[in-house]
Amino acid sequence: MGSWEMSGMRRRTTLFAAAVMAAGFASGVMAADAPKAPAPVTYKEFIWGDAKAKVTVIEYASLTCPHCADFANTVFPDIKKNYIDTGKIRFVFRDYPLDGLGMAAAALARCAPEGRGAKMIELMYKNQLEWARAASPIEPLKGYAALAGMSATDVDACLKNEALLKEIKDIQSKASSLYGVQSTPTFYVNDEKVEGLAAGKAGYDAITKVLDKQVAKAK
């Protein structure tokens, strides 16, 4: 391995470590307790919020989608603070991978030990430009998986798990055929479809108009 490769590897490792610290792995999710065994390889939705909330938001997203990353990084934190944490809505994340890399990232997040998949998604969106454009993007993805407590054997088994990959494909196919999802991110706020969100305040203002309407309607 040449010196430039070693340098690149050290740089990626440093970025991973810093990102994990920022995302809360080191201080919370990856606390002193030993990692739990990887979750059963069955597709489970990532859900935030009270199950009793009268408004449910479903997001269809790809981990390689720049607009999805924009939403996750610049809009979702305020949605969580103002609508999820206050009990107004329940938020469901579903995979709609746009390519093979998005499929691999989605599978790894689902295979992560219990409680760490959602953090992996957050981390991958925050660092999307770093890994999605890498010469060998699977290597950074393996780095995220390792930091979440997955061994190299776990990663290989996950990426080869045809049952899980089929479930992800089935979720995507159902979204297209039954709900008319054609792009990412696409949201359903109860029965109202929302597409084409901008990043930042414009995106927040656009989706909260729909959220407020549906919350008021559900009272």
C-alpha atoms as a PDB file:
ATOM      1  CA  MET A   1       0.000   0.000   0.000  1.00  0.00           C
ATOM      2  CA  GLY A   2       1.465   3.378  -1.014  1.00  0.00           C
ATOM      3  CA  SER A   3       1.946   6.355   1.286  1.00  0.00           C
ATOM      4  CA  TRP A   4      -0.918   8.267  -0.340  1.00  0.00           C
ATOM      5  CA  GLU A   5      -3.255   5.304   0.282  1.00  0.00           C
ATOM      6  CA  MET A   6      -2.172   5.115   3.906  1.00  0.00           C
ATOM      7  CA  SER A   7      -2.744   8.851   4.241  1.00  0.00           C
ATOM      8  CA  GLY A   8      -6.210   8.551   2.710  1.00  0.00           C
ATOM      9  CA  MET A   9      -7.084   5.693   5.021  1.00  0.00           C
ATOM     10  CA  ARG A  10      -5.928   7.637   8.077  1.00  0.00           C
ATOM     11  CA  ARG A  11      -7.934  10.656   6.927  1.00  0.00           C
ATOM     12  CA  ARG A  12     -11.123   8.598   6.494  1.00  0.00           C
ATOM     13  CA  THR A  13     -10.609   6.944   9.879  1.00  0.00           C
ATOM     14  CA  THR A  14     -10.243  10.338  11.539  1.00  0.00           C
ATOM     15  CA  LEU A  15     -13.372  11.631   9.819  1.00  0.00           C
ATOM     16  CA  PHE A  16     -15.322   8.561  10.889  1.00  0.00           C
ATOM     17  CA  ALA A  17     -14.233   8.929  14.502  1.00  0.00           C
ATOM     18  CA  ALA A  18     -15.078  12.631  14.594  1.00  0.00           C
ATOM     19  CA  ALA A  19     -18.441  12.091  12.970  1.00  0.00           C
ATOM     20  CA  VAL A  20     -19.318   9.300  15.352  1.00  0.00           C
ATOM     21  CA  MET A  21     -18.500  11.461  18.332  1.00  0.00           C
ATOM     22  CA  ALA A  22     -20.722  14.211  16.943  1.00  0.00           C
ATOM     23  CA  ALA A  23     -23.569  11.815  16.228  1.00  0.00           C
ATOM     24  CA  GLY A  24     -23.602  10.491  19.757  1.00  0.00           C
ATOM     25  CA  PHE A  25     -22.221   6.998  19.241  1.00  0.00           C
ATOM     26  CA  ALA A  26     -19.268   7.371  21.565  1.00  0.00           C
ATOM     27  CA  SER A  27     -21.118   9.201  24.347  1.00  0.00           C
ATOM     28  CA  GLY A  28     -24.412   7.372  24.229  1.00  0.00           C
ATOM     29  CA  VAL A  29     -25.170   4.668  21.740  1.00  0.00           C
ATOM     30  CA  MET A  30     -21.735   3.093  21.998  1.00  0.00           C
ATOM     31  CA  ALA A  31     -21.437   3.327  25.764  1.00  0.00           C
ATOM     32  CA  ALA A  32     -19.378   1.109  28.030  1.00  0.00           C
ATOM     33  CA  ASP A  33     -21.644  -1.899  27.569  1.00  0.00           C
ATOM     34  CA  ALA A  34     -20.535  -4.484  25.026  1.00  0.00           C
ATOM     35  CA  PRO A  35     -22.395  -4.268  21.690  1.00  0.00           C
ATOM     36  CA  LYS A  36     -25.502  -6.368  21.380  1.00  0.00           C
ATOM     37  CA  ALA A  37     -25.693  -9.053  18.752  1.00  0.00           C
ATOM     38  CA  PRO A  38     -26.815  -7.837  15.329  1.00  0.00           C
ATOM     39  CA  ALA A  39     -30.574  -7.500  15.008  1.00  0.00           C
ATOM     40  CA  PRO A  40     -32.470 -10.306  13.285  1.00  0.00           C
ATOM     41  CA  VAL A  41     -32.286  -9.872   9.546  1.00  0.00           C
ATOM     42  CA  THR A  42     -35.874  -8.764   9.077  1.00  0.00           C
ATOM     43  CA  TYR A  43     -36.847  -5.397   7.686  1.00  0.00           C
ATOM     44  CA  LYS A  44     -37.996  -3.097  10.455  1.00  0.00           C
ATOM     45  CA  GLU A  45     -38.977   0.511   9.971  1.00  0.00           C
ATOM     46  CA  PHE A  46     -37.132   3.223  11.849  1.00  0.00           C
ATOM     47  CA  ILE A  47     -39.774   5.100  13.819  1.00  0.00           C
ATOM     48  CA  TRP A  48     -39.589   8.242  15.923  1.00  0.00           C
ATOM     49  CA  GLY A  49     -42.379   9.511  18.149  1.00  0.00           C
ATOM     50  CA  ASP A  50     -45.417   8.404  20.094  1.00  0.00           C
ATOM     51  CA  ALA A  51     -47.291   5.439  18.636  1.00  0.00           C
ATOM     52  CA  LYS A  52     -50.502   7.165  19.747  1.00  0.00           C
ATOM     53  CA  ALA A  53     -49.854  10.321  17.711  1.00  0.00           C
ATOM     54  CA  LYS A  54     -52.796  11.062  15.435  1.00  0.00           C
ATOM     55  CA  VAL A  55     -50.592  12.164  12.533  1.00  0.00           C
ATOM     56  CA  THR A  56     -48.100   9.800  10.930  1.00  0.00           C
ATOM     57  CA  VAL A  57     -45.435  11.005   8.508  1.00  0.00           C
ATOM     58  CA  ILE A  58     -43.841   8.396   6.245  1.00  0.00           C
ATOM     59  CA  GLU A  59     -40.665   9.319   4.394  1.00  0.00           C
ATOM     60  CA  TYR A  60     -39.422   7.319   1.411  1.00  0.00           C
ATOM     61  CA  ALA A  61     -35.737   8.075   0.987  1.00  0.00           C
ATOM     62  CA  SER A  62     -32.449   6.865  -0.457  1.00  0.00           C
ATOM     63  CA  LEU A  63     -29.210   7.183   1.473  1.00  0.00           C
ATOM     64  CA  THR A  64     -27.461   8.273  -1.746  1.00  0.00           C
ATOM     65  CA  CYS A  65     -30.020  11.015  -2.480  1.00  0.00           C
ATOM     66  CA  PRO A  66     -28.591  14.545  -1.925  1.00  0.00           C
ATOM     67  CA  HIS A  67     -32.055  16.030  -1.333  1.00  0.00           C
ATOM     68  CA  CYS A  68     -32.713  13.365   1.288  1.00  0.00           C
ATOM     69  CA  ALA A  69     -29.465  14.324   3.008  1.00  0.00           C
ATOM     70  CA  ASP A  70     -30.501  17.989   2.873  1.00  0.00           C
ATOM     71  CA  PHE A  71     -33.772  17.149   4.598  1.00  0.00           C
ATOM     72  CA  ALA A  72     -32.085  14.955   7.192  1.00  0.00           C
ATOM     73  CA  ASN A  73     -29.424  17.526   7.986  1.00  0.00           C
ATOM     74  CA  THR A  74     -31.291  20.834   7.768  1.00  0.00           C
ATOM     75  CA  VAL A  75     -34.998  20.129   8.291  1.00  0.00           C
ATOM     76  CA  PHE A  76     -35.486  16.947  10.289  1.00  0.00           C
ATOM     77  CA  PRO A  77     -33.790  18.179  13.507  1.00  0.00           C
ATOM     78  CA  ASP A  78     -36.384  20.960  13.852  1.00  0.00           C
ATOM     79  CA  ILE A  79     -39.213  18.619  12.882  1.00  0.00           C
ATOM     80  CA  LYS A  80     -38.078  16.272  15.625  1.00  0.00           C
ATOM     81  CA  LYS A  81     -37.841  19.040  18.216  1.00  0.00           C
ATOM     82  CA  ASN A  82     -41.120  20.766  17.395  1.00  0.00           C
ATOM     83  CA  TYR A  83     -43.383  17.948  16.227  1.00  0.00           C
ATOM     84  CA  ILE A  84     -42.015  14.524  17.172  1.00  0.00           C
ATOM     85  CA  ASP A  85     -40.710  15.226  20.671  1.00  0.00           C
ATOM     86  CA  THR A  86     -43.893  17.167  21.498  1.00  0.00           C
ATOM     87  CA  GLY A  87     -46.104  14.205  20.584  1.00  0.00           C
ATOM     88  CA  LYS A  88     -47.778  15.838  17.589  1.00  0.00           C
ATOM     89  CA  ILE A  89     -46.574  13.355  14.982  1.00  0.00           C
ATOM     90  CA  ARG A  90     -45.067   9.927  14.523  1.00  0.00           C
ATOM     91  CA  PHE A  91     -42.304   9.756  11.892  1.00  0.00           C
ATOM     92  CA  VAL A  92     -41.507   6.629   9.876  1.00  0.00           C
ATOM     93  CA  PHE A  93     -38.432   6.222   7.659  1.00  0.00           C
ATOM     94  CA  ARG A  94     -38.666   3.759   4.758  1.00  0.00           C
ATOM     95  CA  ASP A  95     -35.969   2.894   2.248  1.00  0.00           C
ATOM     96  CA  TYR A  96     -36.329   3.704  -1.436  1.00  0.00           C
ATOM     97  CA  PRO A  97     -32.767   3.101  -2.698  1.00  0.00           C
ATOM     98  CA  LEU A  98     -31.955   4.788  -5.997  1.00  0.00           C
ATOM     99  CA  ASP A  99     -28.960   2.586  -6.791  1.00  0.00           C
ATOM    100  CA  GLY A 100     -26.917  -0.377  -5.648  1.00  0.00           C
ATOM    101  CA  LEU A 101     -24.882   1.715  -3.232  1.00  0.00           C
ATOM    102  CA  GLY A 102     -28.048   3.047  -1.651  1.00  0.00           C
ATOM    103  CA  MET A 103     -29.261  -0.529  -1.307  1.00  0.00           C
ATOM    104  CA  ALA A 104     -26.035  -1.587   0.425  1.00  0.00           C
ATOM    105  CA  ALA A 105     -26.204   1.367   2.825  1.00  0.00           C
ATOM    106  CA  ALA A 106     -29.854   0.631   3.613  1.00  0.00           C
ATOM    107  CA  ALA A 107     -29.097  -3.028   4.315  1.00  0.00           C
ATOM    108  CA  LEU A 108     -26.207  -2.211   6.650  1.00  0.00           C
ATOM    109  CA  ALA A 109     -28.351   0.204   8.653  1.00  0.00           C
ATOM    110  CA  ARG A 110     -30.976  -2.522   9.047  1.00  0.00           C
ATOM    111  CA  CYS A 111     -28.363  -5.081  10.109  1.00  0.00           C
ATOM    112  CA  ALA A 112     -26.850  -2.837  12.782  1.00  0.00           C
ATOM    113  CA  PRO A 113     -27.208  -3.900  16.417  1.00  0.00           C
ATOM    114  CA  GLU A 114     -30.497  -2.825  17.945  1.00  0.00           C
ATOM    115  CA  GLY A 115     -30.755   0.917  18.532  1.00  0.00           C
ATOM    116  CA  ARG A 116     -27.848   1.838  16.255  1.00  0.00           C
ATOM    117  CA  GLY A 117     -29.359   1.689  12.767  1.00  0.00           C
ATOM    118  CA  ALA A 118     -30.998   5.094  13.033  1.00  0.00           C
ATOM    119  CA  LYS A 119     -27.703   6.589  14.190  1.00  0.00           C
ATOM    120  CA  MET A 120     -25.963   5.013  11.199  1.00  0.00           C
ATOM    121  CA  ILE A 121     -28.476   6.687   8.880  1.00  0.00           C
ATOM    122  CA  GLU A 122     -27.875  10.030  10.578  1.00  0.00           C
ATOM    123  CA  LEU A 123     -24.123   9.567  10.233  1.00  0.00           C
ATOM    124  CA  MET A 124     -24.313   8.530   6.583  1.00  0.00           C
ATOM    125  CA  TYR A 125     -26.427  11.546   5.689  1.00  0.00           C
ATOM    126  CA  LYS A 126     -24.099  13.936   7.515  1.00  0.00           C
ATOM    127  CA  ASN A 127     -21.117  12.522   5.621  1.00  0.00           C
ATOM    128  CA  GLN A 128     -22.794  11.607   2.343  1.00  0.00           C
ATOM    129  CA  LEU A 129     -20.322  13.480   0.156  1.00  0.00           C
ATOM    130  CA  GLU A 130     -17.416  11.707   1.825  1.00  0.00           C
ATOM    131  CA  TRP A 131     -18.540   8.125   1.268  1.00  0.00           C
ATOM    132  CA  ALA A 132     -20.952   8.249  -1.690  1.00  0.00           C
ATOM    133  CA  ARG A 133     -18.270   9.796  -3.926  1.00  0.00           C
ATOM    134  CA  ALA A 134     -15.371   7.694  -2.667  1.00  0.00           C
ATOM    135  CA  ALA A 135     -13.412   5.623  -5.170  1.00  0.00           C
ATOM    136  CA  SER A 136     -14.400   2.518  -3.205  1.00  0.00           C
ATOM    137  CA  PRO A 137     -17.521   3.574  -1.259  1.00  0.00           C
ATOM    138  CA  ILE A 138     -18.074   0.183   0.334  1.00  0.00           C
ATOM    139  CA  GLU A 139     -14.964   0.735   2.471  1.00  0.00           C
ATOM    140  CA  PRO A 140     -16.335   3.820   4.269  1.00  0.00           C
ATOM    141  CA  LEU A 141     -19.647   1.978   4.713  1.00  0.00           C
ATOM    142  CA  LYS A 142     -17.770  -0.885   6.360  1.00  0.00           C
ATOM    143  CA  GLY A 143     -16.152   1.700   8.614  1.00  0.00           C
ATOM    144  CA  TYR A 144     -19.542   2.999   9.758  1.00  0.00           C
ATOM    145  CA  ALA A 145     -20.740  -0.544  10.354  1.00  0.00           C
ATOM    146  CA  ALA A 146     -17.650  -1.343  12.430  1.00  0.00           C
ATOM    147  CA  LEU A 147     -18.172   1.739  14.568  1.00  0.00           C
ATOM    148  CA  ALA A 148     -21.763   0.637  15.136  1.00  0.00           C
ATOM    149  CA  GLY A 149     -20.537  -2.692  16.479  1.00  0.00           C
ATOM    150  CA  MET A 150     -20.615  -4.945  13.395  1.00  0.00           C
ATOM    151  CA  SER A 151     -17.752  -7.273  12.621  1.00  0.00           C
ATOM    152  CA  ALA A 152     -16.394  -7.841   9.110  1.00  0.00           C
ATOM    153  CA  THR A 153     -18.257 -11.154   9.127  1.00  0.00           C
ATOM    154  CA  ASP A 154     -21.496  -9.366  10.060  1.00  0.00           C
ATOM    155  CA  VAL A 155     -21.022  -6.900   7.205  1.00  0.00           C
ATOM    156  CA  ASP A 156     -20.343  -9.586   4.619  1.00  0.00           C
ATOM    157  CA  ALA A 157     -23.325 -11.639   5.777  1.00  0.00           C
ATOM    158  CA  CYS A 158     -25.582  -8.597   5.664  1.00  0.00           C
ATOM    159  CA  LEU A 159     -24.604  -7.588   2.144  1.00  0.00           C
ATOM    160  CA  LYS A 160     -25.173 -11.139   0.936  1.00  0.00           C
ATOM    161  CA  ASN A 161     -28.510 -11.586   2.700  1.00  0.00           C
ATOM    162  CA  GLU A 162     -30.924 -12.071  -0.176  1.00  0.00           C
ATOM    163  CA  ALA A 163     -33.981 -12.153   2.076  1.00  0.00           C
ATOM    164  CA  LEU A 164     -33.273  -8.705   3.510  1.00  0.00           C
ATOM    165  CA  LEU A 165     -32.389  -7.238   0.107  1.00  0.00           C
ATOM    166  CA  LYS A 166     -35.646  -8.624  -1.281  1.00  0.00           C
ATOM    167  CA  GLU A 167     -37.610  -7.014   1.544  1.00  0.00           C
ATOM    168  CA  ILE A 168     -36.047  -3.642   0.767  1.00  0.00           C
ATOM    169  CA  LYS A 169     -36.850  -4.071  -2.923  1.00  0.00           C
ATOM    170  CA  ASP A 170     -40.427  -5.059  -2.040  1.00  0.00           C
ATOM    171  CA  ILE A 171     -40.860  -1.925   0.097  1.00  0.00           C
ATOM    172  CA  GLN A 172     -39.666   0.157  -2.858  1.00  0.00           C
ATOM    173  CA  SER A 173     -41.880  -1.656  -5.360  1.00  0.00           C
ATOM    174  CA  LYS A 174     -44.936  -1.240  -3.151  1.00  0.00           C
ATOM    175  CA  ALA A 175     -44.188   2.454  -2.705  1.00  0.00           C
ATOM    176  CA  SER A 176     -44.093   2.901  -6.480  1.00  0.00           C
ATOM    177  CA  SER A 177     -47.068   0.756  -7.437  1.00  0.00           C
ATOM    178  CA  LEU A 178     -49.467   1.552  -4.604  1.00  0.00           C
ATOM    179  CA  TYR A 179     -48.468   5.032  -3.473  1.00  0.00           C
ATOM    180  CA  GLY A 180     -47.044   6.576  -6.627  1.00  0.00           C
ATOM    181  CA  VAL A 181     -43.600   7.304  -5.216  1.00  0.00           C
ATOM    182  CA  GLN A 182     -41.312   8.283  -8.089  1.00  0.00           C
ATOM    183  CA  SER A 183     -38.606  10.376  -6.449  1.00  0.00           C
ATOM    184  CA  THR A 184     -36.882  10.895  -3.132  1.00  0.00           C
ATOM    185  CA  PRO A 185     -37.570  12.181  -0.661  1.00  0.00           C
ATOM    186  CA  THR A 186     -41.330  11.668  -0.849  1.00  0.00           C
ATOM    187  CA  PHE A 187     -43.472  12.105   2.255  1.00  0.00           C
ATOM    188  CA  TYR A 188     -46.973  11.102   3.206  1.00  0.00           C
ATOM    189  CA  VAL A 189     -48.464  13.161   6.019  1.00  0.00           C
ATOM    190  CA  ASN A 190     -51.376  10.897   6.859  1.00  0.00           C
ATOM    191  CA  ASP A 191     -52.900  10.719   3.368  1.00  0.00           C
ATOM    192  CA  GLU A 192     -51.320  13.883   1.927  1.00  0.00           C
ATOM    193  CA  LYS A 193     -48.348  13.514  -0.396  1.00  0.00           C
ATOM    194  CA  VAL A 194     -45.442  15.975  -0.183  1.00  0.00           C
ATOM    195  CA  GLU A 195     -42.642  16.118  -2.773  1.00  0.00           C
ATOM    196  CA  GLY A 196     -39.912  18.487  -3.901  1.00  0.00           C
ATOM    197  CA  LEU A 197     -38.943  19.926  -0.531  1.00  0.00           C
ATOM    198  CA  ALA A 198     -36.169  22.501  -0.481  1.00  0.00           C
ATOM    199  CA  ALA A 199     -33.436  22.452   2.135  1.00  0.00           C
ATOM    200  CA  GLY A 200     -33.336  24.592   5.256  1.00  0.00           C
ATOM    201  CA  LYS A 201     -36.006  27.074   6.279  1.00  0.00           C
ATOM    202  CA  ALA A 202     -37.872  26.899   2.970  1.00  0.00           C
ATOM    203  CA  GLY A 203     -38.247  23.133   3.277  1.00  0.00           C
ATOM    204  CA  TYR A 204     -39.193  23.392   6.939  1.00  0.00           C
ATOM    205  CA  ASP A 205     -41.846  26.025   6.232  1.00  0.00           C
ATOM    206  CA  ALA A 206     -43.285  23.986   3.371  1.00  0.00           C
ATOM    207  CA  ILE A 207     -43.677  20.742   5.263  1.00  0.00           C
ATOM    208  CA  THR A 208     -44.852  22.322   8.513  1.00  0.00           C
ATOM    209  CA  LYS A 209     -47.776  23.927   6.683  1.00  0.00           C
ATOM    210  CA  VAL A 210     -48.922  20.411   5.847  1.00  0.00           C
ATOM    211  CA  LEU A 211     -48.113  19.110   9.334  1.00  0.00           C
ATOM    212  CA  ASP A 212     -50.065  21.904  11.021  1.00  0.00           C
ATOM    213  CA  LYS A 213     -53.052  21.304   8.741  1.00  0.00           C
ATOM    214  CA  GLN A 214     -53.084  17.580   9.423  1.00  0.00           C
ATOM    215  CA  VAL A 215     -52.559  18.008  13.178  1.00  0.00           C
ATOM    216  CA  ALA A 216     -55.471  20.452  13.331  1.00  0.00           C
ATOM    217  CA  LYS A 217     -57.604  18.126  11.229  1.00  0.00           C
ATOM    218  CA  ALA A 218     -56.850  15.181  13.521  1.00  0.00           C
ATOM    219  CA  LYS A 219     -57.946  16.921  16.719  1.00  0.00           C
END
